[in-house]
Amino acid sequence: ETGQIDVNDINGYVLNLTNFKEQQALLGVTTTSLNAKLLGKADLDVGLTIPYDEETFQMTIDVGKINTKYLNPTLMPLVGIEFTQGQIYKIHYELDAGPKTGQNKLVFDYKDLKLSVVDKDEDGVKRKDGLLSTIANAAIRPNNMPGDKKYLTASYETERNIYRAPINYFIKGLMEGAIRIVPGKTVRN
């Protein structure tokens, strides 16, 4: 199964986009700025800068406040979890992508995170696994807000899969950053 991400009400601009080599040398980079609604609920801002003379790009993604339950259609097919409660207050992600690796920074502010582990029985019917859900909730950090004693942000490197599209590069980076913030210390070590 695949997850689904709906992006609506997209507005933005692209600057300095050309396929003429002389113009590329003169302009140096192309820049894109988009704002939209993520799942029709949260503000989404995306910035993208692509130099013409390098195999790199820089991307920023900002997501505003959203109830975690709205993310379930995306996460359930991908990782087999559903949020039962929680509020995301802010996601700020930066990727400085090179041809083989990317440098990432993630700020992920949330409160009251609780989840269920979901499995399918032999007939393909979804069912919640109570024991695994209890263990998972004991292992995660339910809150990560500025001012919290154990507030975390993440700076890390990701490896690019050269056989996948660039969208995979930043999705992988976001997921790896969340894995550095959400689990409790005993789970990460």
Protein backbone atom coordinates (compact mmCIF):
# COMPACT_ATOMS: atom_id res chain seq x y z
CA GLU A 1 0.00 0.00 0.00
CA THR A 2 1.01 3.59 -0.48
CA GLY A 3 0.31 6.62 1.64
CA GLN A 4 -1.43 9.67 0.29
CA ILE A 5 -0.52 13.31 0.83
CA ASP A 6 -3.04 15.89 -0.35
CA VAL A 7 -1.76 19.38 -1.04
CA ASN A 8 -4.42 21.95 -1.93
CA ASP A 9 -4.72 25.67 -2.71
CA ILE A 10 -1.21 25.90 -4.14
CA ASN A 11 0.15 29.37 -4.86
CA GLY A 12 3.68 30.42 -5.62
CA TYR A 13 6.27 31.42 -8.14
CA VAL A 14 9.31 30.16 -10.01
CA LEU A 15 12.14 32.58 -10.82
CA ASN A 16 14.96 32.30 -13.35
CA LEU A 17 13.80 29.03 -14.92
CA THR A 18 15.42 28.42 -18.31
CA ASN A 19 16.96 25.63 -20.36
CA PHE A 20 19.28 27.97 -22.28
CA LYS A 21 22.88 27.38 -21.10
CA GLU A 22 23.89 31.04 -21.62
CA GLN A 23 20.99 32.25 -19.45
CA GLN A 24 21.70 29.59 -16.80
CA ALA A 25 25.30 30.84 -16.53
CA LEU A 26 24.04 34.40 -16.19
CA LEU A 27 21.25 33.63 -13.67
CA GLY A 28 23.12 31.06 -11.55
CA VAL A 29 20.08 29.52 -9.80
CA THR A 30 16.38 28.93 -10.17
CA THR A 31 14.21 29.59 -7.14
CA THR A 32 10.72 28.34 -6.29
CA SER A 33 8.46 29.44 -3.46
CA LEU A 34 5.12 27.75 -2.82
CA ASN A 35 2.46 28.08 -0.16
CA ALA A 36 -0.46 25.70 0.13
CA LYS A 37 -2.67 23.74 2.51
CA LEU A 38 -1.50 20.31 3.66
CA LEU A 39 -4.47 17.93 3.76
CA GLY A 40 -6.68 21.01 3.56
CA LYS A 41 -5.79 21.80 7.20
CA ALA A 42 -2.25 23.09 7.83
CA ASP A 43 -0.30 25.90 6.22
CA LEU A 44 2.51 24.54 4.07
CA ASP A 45 5.40 26.65 2.75
CA VAL A 46 8.09 25.21 0.49
CA GLY A 47 11.22 26.95 -0.74
CA LEU A 48 13.53 25.42 -3.33
CA THR A 49 16.80 26.72 -4.79
CA ILE A 50 18.58 24.83 -7.56
CA PRO A 51 21.97 26.00 -8.84
CA TYR A 52 22.43 25.44 -12.56
CA ASP A 53 26.12 24.56 -12.29
CA GLU A 54 25.98 21.96 -9.49
CA GLU A 55 24.19 18.68 -8.77
CA THR A 56 22.68 20.10 -5.59
CA PHE A 57 19.55 21.79 -4.30
CA GLN A 58 18.41 23.46 -1.10
CA MET A 59 14.89 23.01 0.25
CA THR A 60 12.95 24.33 3.22
CA ILE A 61 9.56 23.04 4.31
CA ASP A 62 7.41 24.66 6.98
CA VAL A 63 4.17 23.10 8.23
CA GLY A 64 1.82 24.88 10.61
CA LYS A 65 -0.52 23.57 13.28
CA ILE A 66 -2.42 20.35 12.52
CA ASN A 67 -4.16 17.61 14.51
CA THR A 68 -2.16 14.40 14.08
CA LYS A 69 -5.28 12.38 13.22
CA TYR A 70 -5.36 14.06 9.80
CA LEU A 71 -2.04 12.36 9.00
CA ASN A 72 -3.41 8.83 9.45
CA PRO A 73 -4.28 8.20 5.78
CA THR A 74 -0.65 8.99 4.96
CA LEU A 75 1.08 7.10 7.78
CA MET A 76 -1.10 4.02 8.22
CA PRO A 77 -0.26 2.40 4.86
CA LEU A 78 3.42 3.35 5.12
CA VAL A 79 4.31 2.42 8.69
CA GLY A 80 1.25 0.72 10.19
CA ILE A 81 0.47 3.31 12.87
CA GLU A 82 -2.43 5.63 13.52
CA PHE A 83 -2.39 8.67 15.74
CA THR A 84 -5.18 8.53 18.30
CA GLN A 85 -4.41 12.00 19.62
CA GLY A 86 -1.86 14.77 19.37
CA GLN A 87 -1.27 18.21 17.96
CA ILE A 88 1.61 19.26 15.73
CA TYR A 89 2.44 22.92 16.29
CA LYS A 90 5.36 23.32 13.91
CA ILE A 91 7.55 21.44 11.49
CA HIS A 92 10.56 23.25 10.04
CA TYR A 93 12.78 21.17 7.76
CA GLU A 94 15.90 22.14 5.84
CA LEU A 95 17.74 20.00 3.30
CA ASP A 96 21.03 20.92 1.67
CA ALA A 97 21.09 18.13 -0.90
CA GLY A 98 24.21 16.98 -2.66
CA PRO A 99 24.60 14.30 -5.31
CA LYS A 100 25.17 11.53 -2.74
CA THR A 101 24.28 12.87 0.72
CA GLY A 102 22.18 15.60 2.24
CA GLN A 103 22.59 17.72 5.35
CA ASN A 104 19.28 17.99 7.21
CA LYS A 105 17.84 20.05 10.06
CA LEU A 106 14.45 19.35 11.62
CA VAL A 107 12.37 21.20 14.20
CA PHE A 108 9.31 19.14 15.17
CA ASP A 109 7.12 20.69 17.89
CA TYR A 110 4.16 18.63 19.11
CA LYS A 111 2.04 17.84 22.20
CA ASP A 112 0.00 14.93 23.55
CA LEU A 113 1.17 12.39 20.97
CA LYS A 114 -0.49 8.98 21.28
CA LEU A 115 -0.66 6.24 18.68
CA SER A 116 -2.03 2.80 17.87
CA VAL A 117 -0.19 0.05 16.07
CA VAL A 118 -2.46 -1.34 13.37
CA ASP A 119 -2.18 -4.69 11.66
CA LYS A 120 -4.31 -6.60 9.19
CA ASP A 121 -5.70 -10.03 9.95
CA GLU A 122 -5.68 -12.89 7.44
CA ASP A 123 -8.81 -11.45 5.76
CA GLY A 124 -7.12 -8.05 5.26
CA VAL A 125 -9.24 -6.34 7.94
CA LYS A 126 -7.44 -3.67 9.99
CA ARG A 127 -7.18 -4.32 13.71
CA LYS A 128 -5.42 -2.46 16.48
CA ASP A 129 -2.78 -4.36 18.42
CA GLY A 130 -3.34 -3.34 22.05
CA LEU A 131 -0.08 -4.75 23.43
CA LEU A 132 2.13 -3.27 20.71
CA SER A 133 0.27 0.04 20.99
CA THR A 134 0.91 0.16 24.75
CA ILE A 135 4.60 -0.61 24.23
CA ALA A 136 4.90 1.98 21.44
CA ASN A 137 3.27 4.71 23.53
CA ALA A 138 5.60 3.93 26.44
CA ALA A 139 8.58 4.26 24.09
CA ILE A 140 7.77 7.63 22.50
CA ARG A 141 8.14 11.17 23.77
CA PRO A 142 4.53 12.45 23.99
CA ASN A 143 5.64 16.11 23.96
CA ASN A 144 8.42 18.04 22.26
CA MET A 145 7.91 21.76 22.69
CA PRO A 146 10.34 24.67 23.04
CA GLY A 147 10.94 25.25 26.73
CA ASP A 148 10.54 21.56 27.62
CA LYS A 149 13.46 20.27 29.66
CA LYS A 150 14.28 17.56 27.08
CA TYR A 151 13.30 19.50 23.94
CA LEU A 152 14.99 18.09 20.84
CA THR A 153 15.76 19.28 17.35
CA ALA A 154 17.80 17.25 14.88
CA SER A 155 20.79 17.89 12.59
CA TYR A 156 21.85 14.85 10.59
CA GLU A 157 23.02 13.48 7.26
CA THR A 158 21.01 11.28 4.89
CA GLU A 159 22.18 9.21 1.99
CA ARG A 160 20.52 9.69 -1.38
CA ASN A 161 19.14 6.72 -3.27
CA ILE A 162 20.24 7.66 -6.77
CA TYR A 163 17.63 5.36 -8.28
CA ARG A 164 14.72 7.25 -6.68
CA ALA A 165 13.18 10.62 -7.52
CA PRO A 166 14.27 13.73 -5.58
CA ILE A 167 10.96 13.71 -3.67
CA ASN A 168 12.17 10.51 -1.99
CA TYR A 169 15.28 12.41 -0.82
CA PHE A 170 13.35 14.84 1.37
CA ILE A 171 10.68 12.34 2.50
CA LYS A 172 13.47 10.07 3.71
CA GLY A 173 15.11 13.06 5.39
CA LEU A 174 11.89 14.03 7.20
CA MET A 175 11.32 10.46 8.38
CA GLU A 176 14.89 10.07 9.62
CA GLY A 177 14.59 13.35 11.51
CA ALA A 178 11.35 12.30 13.18
CA ILE A 179 13.05 9.07 14.26
CA ARG A 180 15.70 11.19 16.01
CA ILE A 181 13.12 13.26 17.91
CA VAL A 182 9.98 11.20 18.68
CA PRO A 183 11.33 8.01 20.27
CA GLY A 184 12.50 8.14 23.86
CA LYS A 185 16.22 7.93 24.55
CA THR A 186 16.16 4.20 25.32
CA VAL A 187 14.59 3.46 21.93
CA ARG A 188 17.15 5.54 19.97
CA ASN A 189 20.24 3.97 21.59
